[in-house]
N, C-alpha and C. Protein backbone atom coordinates (compact mmCIF):
# COMPACT_ATOMS: atom_id res chain seq x y z
N MET A 1 6.67 -0.57 -2.10
CA MET A 1 6.29 -1.64 -1.21
C MET A 1 6.60 -2.95 -1.89
N THR A 2 7.49 -3.68 -1.32
CA THR A 2 7.90 -4.86 -2.04
C THR A 2 7.56 -6.17 -1.34
N ALA A 3 7.38 -6.16 -0.06
CA ALA A 3 7.16 -7.42 0.65
C ALA A 3 5.68 -7.80 0.63
N MET A 4 5.43 -9.05 0.28
CA MET A 4 4.07 -9.58 0.34
C MET A 4 3.89 -10.30 1.67
N THR A 5 2.68 -10.23 2.20
CA THR A 5 2.37 -10.94 3.43
C THR A 5 2.16 -12.42 3.13
N ASN A 6 2.19 -13.24 4.18
CA ASN A 6 1.89 -14.66 4.03
C ASN A 6 0.52 -14.85 3.39
N TYR A 7 -0.45 -14.03 3.79
CA TYR A 7 -1.80 -14.12 3.24
C TYR A 7 -1.77 -14.02 1.72
N LEU A 8 -1.13 -12.98 1.18
CA LEU A 8 -1.11 -12.79 -0.27
C LEU A 8 -0.30 -13.88 -0.96
N GLU A 9 0.83 -14.26 -0.39
CA GLU A 9 1.64 -15.34 -0.98
C GLU A 9 0.82 -16.62 -1.11
N ASN A 10 0.07 -16.96 -0.05
CA ASN A 10 -0.76 -18.17 -0.09
C ASN A 10 -1.87 -18.06 -1.13
N LYS A 11 -2.53 -16.90 -1.19
CA LYS A 11 -3.61 -16.71 -2.16
C LYS A 11 -3.10 -16.80 -3.60
N LEU A 12 -1.96 -16.15 -3.88
CA LEU A 12 -1.41 -16.20 -5.24
C LEU A 12 -0.94 -17.59 -5.61
N GLY A 13 -0.28 -18.26 -4.67
CA GLY A 13 0.18 -19.63 -4.93
C GLY A 13 -0.98 -20.56 -5.22
N ASP A 14 -2.02 -20.50 -4.41
CA ASP A 14 -3.21 -21.33 -4.63
C ASP A 14 -3.86 -21.01 -5.97
N HIS A 15 -3.95 -19.72 -6.28
CA HIS A 15 -4.60 -19.29 -7.52
C HIS A 15 -3.82 -19.78 -8.75
N LEU A 16 -2.52 -19.55 -8.76
CA LEU A 16 -1.71 -19.88 -9.93
C LEU A 16 -1.46 -21.38 -10.10
N LEU A 17 -1.23 -22.07 -9.01
CA LEU A 17 -0.76 -23.46 -9.10
C LEU A 17 -1.77 -24.52 -8.68
N ARG A 18 -2.79 -24.11 -7.93
CA ARG A 18 -3.71 -25.10 -7.40
C ARG A 18 -5.14 -24.92 -7.88
N GLY A 19 -5.38 -23.90 -8.73
CA GLY A 19 -6.70 -23.71 -9.30
C GLY A 19 -7.74 -23.20 -8.32
N ILE A 20 -7.31 -22.61 -7.21
CA ILE A 20 -8.24 -22.04 -6.24
C ILE A 20 -8.36 -20.56 -6.55
N ALA A 21 -9.55 -20.14 -6.91
CA ALA A 21 -9.77 -18.76 -7.35
C ALA A 21 -9.40 -17.76 -6.25
N TYR A 22 -8.77 -16.71 -6.66
CA TYR A 22 -8.49 -15.57 -5.79
C TYR A 22 -9.05 -14.34 -6.49
N PRO A 23 -10.23 -13.91 -6.10
CA PRO A 23 -10.83 -12.76 -6.77
C PRO A 23 -10.05 -11.47 -6.49
N MET A 24 -10.02 -10.61 -7.49
CA MET A 24 -9.33 -9.33 -7.35
C MET A 24 -9.98 -8.51 -6.24
N PRO A 25 -9.18 -7.89 -5.37
CA PRO A 25 -9.77 -7.01 -4.35
C PRO A 25 -10.56 -5.89 -5.02
N THR A 26 -11.61 -5.44 -4.34
CA THR A 26 -12.40 -4.33 -4.86
C THR A 26 -11.89 -2.99 -4.37
N GLN A 27 -11.04 -3.01 -3.34
CA GLN A 27 -10.42 -1.78 -2.87
C GLN A 27 -9.05 -2.11 -2.29
N LEU A 28 -8.17 -1.12 -2.36
CA LEU A 28 -6.84 -1.22 -1.78
C LEU A 28 -6.68 -0.07 -0.79
N ASN A 29 -6.55 -0.41 0.47
CA ASN A 29 -6.44 0.58 1.54
C ASN A 29 -4.98 0.79 1.91
N HIS A 30 -4.48 1.98 1.70
CA HIS A 30 -3.11 2.33 2.05
C HIS A 30 -3.12 2.83 3.49
N ARG A 31 -2.27 2.24 4.33
CA ARG A 31 -2.27 2.54 5.77
C ARG A 31 -0.87 2.92 6.24
N LEU A 32 -0.80 3.77 7.26
CA LEU A 32 0.47 4.21 7.84
C LEU A 32 0.68 3.53 9.19
N PHE A 33 1.95 3.24 9.51
CA PHE A 33 2.30 2.51 10.73
C PHE A 33 3.43 3.20 11.49
N THR A 34 3.37 3.08 12.82
CA THR A 34 4.45 3.57 13.68
C THR A 34 5.32 2.43 14.17
N ALA A 35 4.92 1.20 13.95
CA ALA A 35 5.73 0.00 14.24
C ALA A 35 5.53 -0.97 13.09
N ALA A 36 6.58 -1.64 12.72
CA ALA A 36 6.64 -2.45 11.51
C ALA A 36 5.65 -3.60 11.47
N PRO A 37 4.86 -3.69 10.39
CA PRO A 37 4.13 -4.92 10.12
C PRO A 37 5.11 -5.92 9.51
N GLY A 38 4.66 -7.14 9.35
CA GLY A 38 5.54 -8.16 8.78
C GLY A 38 4.75 -9.18 7.98
N GLU A 39 5.37 -10.32 7.72
CA GLU A 39 4.78 -11.39 6.91
C GLU A 39 3.39 -11.79 7.41
N ALA A 40 3.18 -11.77 8.72
CA ALA A 40 1.90 -12.17 9.30
C ALA A 40 0.98 -10.97 9.53
N GLY A 41 1.36 -9.79 9.04
CA GLY A 41 0.57 -8.58 9.27
C GLY A 41 1.08 -7.86 10.49
N GLY A 42 0.18 -7.52 11.39
CA GLY A 42 0.57 -6.88 12.64
C GLY A 42 1.04 -5.46 12.45
N GLY A 43 2.00 -5.06 13.28
CA GLY A 43 2.46 -3.68 13.29
C GLY A 43 1.51 -2.81 14.10
N THR A 44 1.84 -1.54 14.19
CA THR A 44 0.99 -0.59 14.90
C THR A 44 0.56 0.50 13.94
N GLU A 45 -0.71 0.45 13.55
CA GLU A 45 -1.25 1.45 12.63
C GLU A 45 -1.54 2.73 13.39
N VAL A 46 -1.37 3.85 12.73
CA VAL A 46 -1.73 5.15 13.30
C VAL A 46 -3.21 5.13 13.66
N THR A 47 -3.56 5.78 14.77
CA THR A 47 -4.97 5.92 15.16
C THR A 47 -5.22 7.34 15.64
N GLY A 48 -6.48 7.76 15.58
CA GLY A 48 -6.88 9.05 16.14
C GLY A 48 -6.44 10.24 15.32
N GLY A 49 -6.83 11.40 15.78
CA GLY A 49 -6.40 12.66 15.18
C GLY A 49 -6.74 12.79 13.71
N SER A 50 -7.93 12.33 13.31
CA SER A 50 -8.42 12.40 11.93
C SER A 50 -7.75 11.42 10.98
N TYR A 51 -6.91 10.52 11.50
CA TYR A 51 -6.26 9.54 10.63
C TYR A 51 -7.29 8.62 9.99
N ALA A 52 -7.09 8.32 8.73
CA ALA A 52 -7.89 7.33 8.02
C ALA A 52 -7.04 6.76 6.89
N ALA A 53 -7.24 5.49 6.62
CA ALA A 53 -6.57 4.86 5.48
C ALA A 53 -7.05 5.53 4.20
N VAL A 54 -6.24 5.45 3.16
CA VAL A 54 -6.61 6.00 1.86
C VAL A 54 -6.93 4.84 0.92
N ASN A 55 -8.13 4.86 0.39
CA ASN A 55 -8.56 3.82 -0.53
C ASN A 55 -8.32 4.24 -1.96
N LEU A 56 -7.62 3.38 -2.71
CA LEU A 56 -7.49 3.54 -4.16
C LEU A 56 -7.98 2.24 -4.78
N ALA A 57 -8.96 2.33 -5.65
CA ALA A 57 -9.46 1.14 -6.31
C ALA A 57 -8.37 0.56 -7.21
N PRO A 58 -8.30 -0.76 -7.34
CA PRO A 58 -7.37 -1.34 -8.30
C PRO A 58 -7.81 -0.93 -9.71
N SER A 59 -6.99 -0.13 -10.38
CA SER A 59 -7.35 0.33 -11.72
C SER A 59 -6.12 0.84 -12.45
N GLN A 60 -6.25 0.89 -13.77
CA GLN A 60 -5.17 1.45 -14.58
C GLN A 60 -5.03 2.95 -14.35
N THR A 61 -6.06 3.61 -13.88
CA THR A 61 -6.00 5.04 -13.59
C THR A 61 -5.14 5.32 -12.36
N ASN A 62 -5.22 4.45 -11.35
CA ASN A 62 -4.54 4.69 -10.08
C ASN A 62 -3.11 4.16 -10.01
N TYR A 63 -2.76 3.22 -10.90
CA TYR A 63 -1.43 2.59 -10.84
C TYR A 63 -0.83 2.47 -12.23
N TYR A 64 0.46 2.82 -12.35
CA TYR A 64 1.20 2.61 -13.60
C TYR A 64 1.52 1.13 -13.74
N GLY A 65 1.52 0.63 -14.97
CA GLY A 65 1.99 -0.73 -15.23
C GLY A 65 3.50 -0.77 -15.26
N THR A 66 4.07 -1.95 -15.39
CA THR A 66 5.53 -2.09 -15.43
C THR A 66 6.13 -1.43 -16.66
N HIS A 67 5.30 -1.10 -17.64
CA HIS A 67 5.76 -0.42 -18.85
C HIS A 67 5.74 1.10 -18.69
N GLY A 68 5.31 1.59 -17.51
CA GLY A 68 5.43 3.01 -17.19
C GLY A 68 4.25 3.87 -17.58
N THR A 69 3.16 3.29 -18.07
CA THR A 69 1.98 4.08 -18.38
C THR A 69 0.76 3.48 -17.67
N THR A 70 -0.34 4.22 -17.72
CA THR A 70 -1.57 3.73 -17.09
C THR A 70 -2.48 3.03 -18.09
N VAL A 71 -2.03 2.86 -19.32
CA VAL A 71 -2.87 2.25 -20.35
C VAL A 71 -2.33 0.88 -20.74
N GLY A 72 -3.19 -0.12 -20.69
CA GLY A 72 -2.82 -1.45 -21.16
C GLY A 72 -2.13 -2.30 -20.12
N ALA A 73 -2.02 -3.58 -20.46
CA ALA A 73 -1.40 -4.56 -19.57
C ALA A 73 0.10 -4.29 -19.42
N SER A 74 0.64 -4.62 -18.26
CA SER A 74 2.07 -4.46 -18.02
C SER A 74 2.87 -5.31 -19.00
N SER A 75 3.96 -4.73 -19.49
CA SER A 75 4.83 -5.46 -20.41
C SER A 75 6.30 -5.15 -20.18
N GLY A 76 6.60 -4.38 -19.16
CA GLY A 76 7.98 -4.02 -18.87
C GLY A 76 8.73 -5.18 -18.23
N THR A 77 10.00 -4.98 -17.97
CA THR A 77 10.83 -6.04 -17.39
C THR A 77 11.28 -5.74 -15.97
N SER A 78 10.94 -4.57 -15.44
CA SER A 78 11.41 -4.19 -14.11
C SER A 78 10.61 -4.84 -12.99
N GLY A 79 9.38 -5.26 -13.27
CA GLY A 79 8.50 -5.78 -12.22
C GLY A 79 7.96 -4.69 -11.31
N LEU A 80 8.18 -3.42 -11.67
CA LEU A 80 7.81 -2.29 -10.81
C LEU A 80 6.49 -1.67 -11.25
N ILE A 81 5.56 -1.60 -10.32
CA ILE A 81 4.30 -0.89 -10.51
C ILE A 81 4.26 0.23 -9.46
N ASP A 82 3.92 1.44 -9.91
CA ASP A 82 3.89 2.62 -9.04
C ASP A 82 2.50 3.23 -8.99
N ASN A 83 2.28 4.05 -7.96
CA ASN A 83 1.04 4.80 -7.88
C ASN A 83 1.04 5.90 -8.94
N ALA A 84 -0.07 6.01 -9.67
CA ALA A 84 -0.22 7.03 -10.72
C ALA A 84 -0.95 8.26 -10.22
N VAL A 85 -1.41 8.21 -8.98
CA VAL A 85 -2.04 9.36 -8.33
C VAL A 85 -1.40 9.51 -6.95
N ALA A 86 -1.41 10.72 -6.43
CA ALA A 86 -0.88 10.94 -5.08
C ALA A 86 -1.78 10.24 -4.06
N ILE A 87 -1.17 9.69 -3.03
CA ILE A 87 -1.90 9.06 -1.93
C ILE A 87 -1.89 10.09 -0.80
N VAL A 88 -3.03 10.74 -0.57
CA VAL A 88 -3.10 11.86 0.37
C VAL A 88 -3.94 11.46 1.58
N PHE A 89 -3.31 11.44 2.74
CA PHE A 89 -3.99 11.13 4.00
C PHE A 89 -4.62 12.40 4.56
N PRO A 90 -5.57 12.26 5.49
CA PRO A 90 -6.17 13.45 6.10
C PRO A 90 -5.13 14.26 6.89
N ALA A 91 -5.36 15.55 7.02
CA ALA A 91 -4.49 16.39 7.85
C ALA A 91 -4.66 15.97 9.31
N PRO A 92 -3.55 15.82 10.04
CA PRO A 92 -3.65 15.36 11.42
C PRO A 92 -4.21 16.43 12.36
N THR A 93 -5.09 15.99 13.26
CA THR A 93 -5.63 16.88 14.29
C THR A 93 -5.13 16.46 15.67
N ALA A 94 -4.14 15.59 15.67
CA ALA A 94 -3.43 15.15 16.89
C ALA A 94 -2.07 14.64 16.43
N ASN A 95 -1.17 14.42 17.37
CA ASN A 95 0.13 13.86 17.01
C ASN A 95 -0.04 12.39 16.64
N TRP A 96 0.49 12.03 15.47
CA TRP A 96 0.42 10.64 15.01
C TRP A 96 1.67 9.87 15.38
N GLY A 97 2.75 10.55 15.66
CA GLY A 97 4.00 9.89 16.01
C GLY A 97 4.93 9.73 14.82
N LEU A 98 5.94 8.89 14.99
CA LEU A 98 6.94 8.65 13.95
C LEU A 98 6.41 7.58 13.00
N ILE A 99 6.11 7.96 11.78
CA ILE A 99 5.59 7.05 10.77
C ILE A 99 6.77 6.34 10.12
N THR A 100 6.79 5.02 10.19
CA THR A 100 7.93 4.25 9.70
C THR A 100 7.60 3.32 8.54
N HIS A 101 6.32 2.93 8.40
CA HIS A 101 5.94 1.93 7.40
C HIS A 101 4.60 2.28 6.76
N MET A 102 4.39 1.69 5.59
CA MET A 102 3.09 1.76 4.94
C MET A 102 2.72 0.35 4.53
N ALA A 103 1.43 0.05 4.56
CA ALA A 103 0.94 -1.26 4.13
C ALA A 103 -0.33 -1.06 3.32
N VAL A 104 -0.67 -2.10 2.57
CA VAL A 104 -1.89 -2.09 1.77
C VAL A 104 -2.70 -3.32 2.13
N ASP A 105 -4.00 -3.12 2.37
CA ASP A 105 -4.86 -4.27 2.61
C ASP A 105 -6.07 -4.20 1.69
N ASP A 106 -6.85 -5.27 1.70
CA ASP A 106 -8.05 -5.34 0.86
C ASP A 106 -9.28 -4.92 1.65
N GLU A 107 -10.44 -5.04 1.01
CA GLU A 107 -11.69 -4.60 1.64
C GLU A 107 -12.05 -5.40 2.89
N ALA A 108 -11.48 -6.58 3.06
CA ALA A 108 -11.74 -7.39 4.26
C ALA A 108 -10.64 -7.21 5.30
N ALA A 109 -9.78 -6.21 5.13
CA ALA A 109 -8.68 -5.89 6.05
C ALA A 109 -7.61 -6.97 6.09
N ASN A 110 -7.45 -7.73 5.00
CA ASN A 110 -6.34 -8.68 4.87
C ASN A 110 -5.14 -7.91 4.35
N MET A 111 -4.08 -7.82 5.15
CA MET A 111 -2.89 -7.10 4.70
C MET A 111 -2.27 -7.86 3.53
N LEU A 112 -1.94 -7.13 2.47
CA LEU A 112 -1.39 -7.72 1.26
C LEU A 112 0.10 -7.45 1.11
N THR A 113 0.50 -6.19 1.29
CA THR A 113 1.90 -5.81 1.15
C THR A 113 2.27 -4.83 2.26
N TYR A 114 3.56 -4.71 2.51
CA TYR A 114 4.06 -3.78 3.51
C TYR A 114 5.48 -3.39 3.16
N SER A 115 5.89 -2.23 3.65
CA SER A 115 7.24 -1.77 3.37
C SER A 115 7.63 -0.65 4.32
N PRO A 116 8.92 -0.57 4.67
CA PRO A 116 9.37 0.60 5.42
C PRO A 116 9.37 1.82 4.49
N LEU A 117 9.13 2.98 5.06
CA LEU A 117 9.26 4.21 4.28
C LEU A 117 10.74 4.47 4.02
N THR A 118 11.05 5.09 2.91
CA THR A 118 12.44 5.44 2.62
C THR A 118 12.98 6.36 3.70
N ILE A 119 12.14 7.31 4.12
CA ILE A 119 12.51 8.23 5.20
C ILE A 119 11.34 8.27 6.18
N SER A 120 11.58 7.88 7.42
CA SER A 120 10.54 7.96 8.45
C SER A 120 10.23 9.43 8.71
N LYS A 121 8.98 9.70 9.14
CA LYS A 121 8.58 11.09 9.35
C LYS A 121 7.69 11.20 10.58
N THR A 122 8.00 12.15 11.44
CA THR A 122 7.14 12.45 12.57
C THR A 122 6.01 13.35 12.09
N VAL A 123 4.77 12.95 12.40
CA VAL A 123 3.59 13.71 11.99
C VAL A 123 2.91 14.22 13.26
N ASN A 124 2.76 15.53 13.33
CA ASN A 124 2.17 16.17 14.51
C ASN A 124 0.90 16.92 14.16
N ASN A 125 0.12 17.22 15.19
CA ASN A 125 -1.09 18.02 15.06
C ASN A 125 -0.78 19.30 14.31
N GLY A 126 -1.60 19.60 13.30
CA GLY A 126 -1.43 20.83 12.54
C GLY A 126 -0.49 20.72 11.36
N ASP A 127 0.23 19.60 11.22
CA ASP A 127 1.09 19.42 10.05
C ASP A 127 0.22 19.33 8.80
N PRO A 128 0.81 19.59 7.64
CA PRO A 128 0.06 19.39 6.39
C PRO A 128 -0.32 17.91 6.25
N ALA A 129 -1.33 17.66 5.45
CA ALA A 129 -1.76 16.28 5.21
C ALA A 129 -0.60 15.48 4.64
N PRO A 130 -0.24 14.36 5.29
CA PRO A 130 0.84 13.51 4.75
C PRO A 130 0.43 12.93 3.40
N SER A 131 1.39 12.82 2.51
CA SER A 131 1.06 12.26 1.19
C SER A 131 2.24 11.50 0.62
N VAL A 132 1.92 10.61 -0.29
CA VAL A 132 2.92 9.87 -1.05
C VAL A 132 2.79 10.36 -2.49
N PRO A 133 3.82 11.06 -2.98
CA PRO A 133 3.73 11.62 -4.33
C PRO A 133 3.58 10.54 -5.41
N ILE A 134 3.10 10.95 -6.54
CA ILE A 134 2.98 10.04 -7.69
C ILE A 134 4.33 9.38 -7.93
N GLY A 135 4.30 8.07 -8.11
CA GLY A 135 5.50 7.30 -8.41
C GLY A 135 6.34 6.88 -7.22
N ASP A 136 5.93 7.26 -5.99
CA ASP A 136 6.75 6.93 -4.83
C ASP A 136 6.30 5.70 -4.05
N ALA A 137 5.13 5.16 -4.34
CA ALA A 137 4.69 3.91 -3.69
C ALA A 137 5.06 2.77 -4.63
N ASP A 138 6.21 2.18 -4.41
CA ASP A 138 6.73 1.14 -5.30
C ASP A 138 6.24 -0.25 -4.92
N PHE A 139 5.70 -0.96 -5.90
CA PHE A 139 5.30 -2.35 -5.73
C PHE A 139 6.15 -3.14 -6.72
N THR A 140 7.08 -3.95 -6.22
CA THR A 140 7.98 -4.68 -7.10
C THR A 140 7.63 -6.16 -7.09
N PHE A 141 7.42 -6.70 -8.28
CA PHE A 141 7.13 -8.12 -8.46
C PHE A 141 8.33 -8.72 -9.18
N ALA A 142 9.22 -9.31 -8.41
CA ALA A 142 10.44 -9.86 -9.01
C ALA A 142 10.78 -11.20 -8.38
């Protein structure tokens, strides 16, 4: 996931350059979409059929640093941070449709990042629980 929303861009800019505090989110909710979100958020999130966002707390346990490990501050040069645990959604009990995007928001439902999936996938009732394997949710800061 590489694109930041206007919300996050404004918060980071204010925090870094204007001295307006931006507290770290207490939770990061990974969400699936059937229509693209964008800079202003939006999109069409999956609903029904046991769908629920997956919460991963911001932590060194849940995300690799740019140096490729879960221990210590990032020091790599790629700007890439990946998920260090699988992101597993509930098994669908109804058709969810063609999943095209994933986004992450905070505990107040402010969308922070969004990205198209590398490969869109149709999720139907009875399919296995959709998941994002370790290392496949890319967050690039470049």
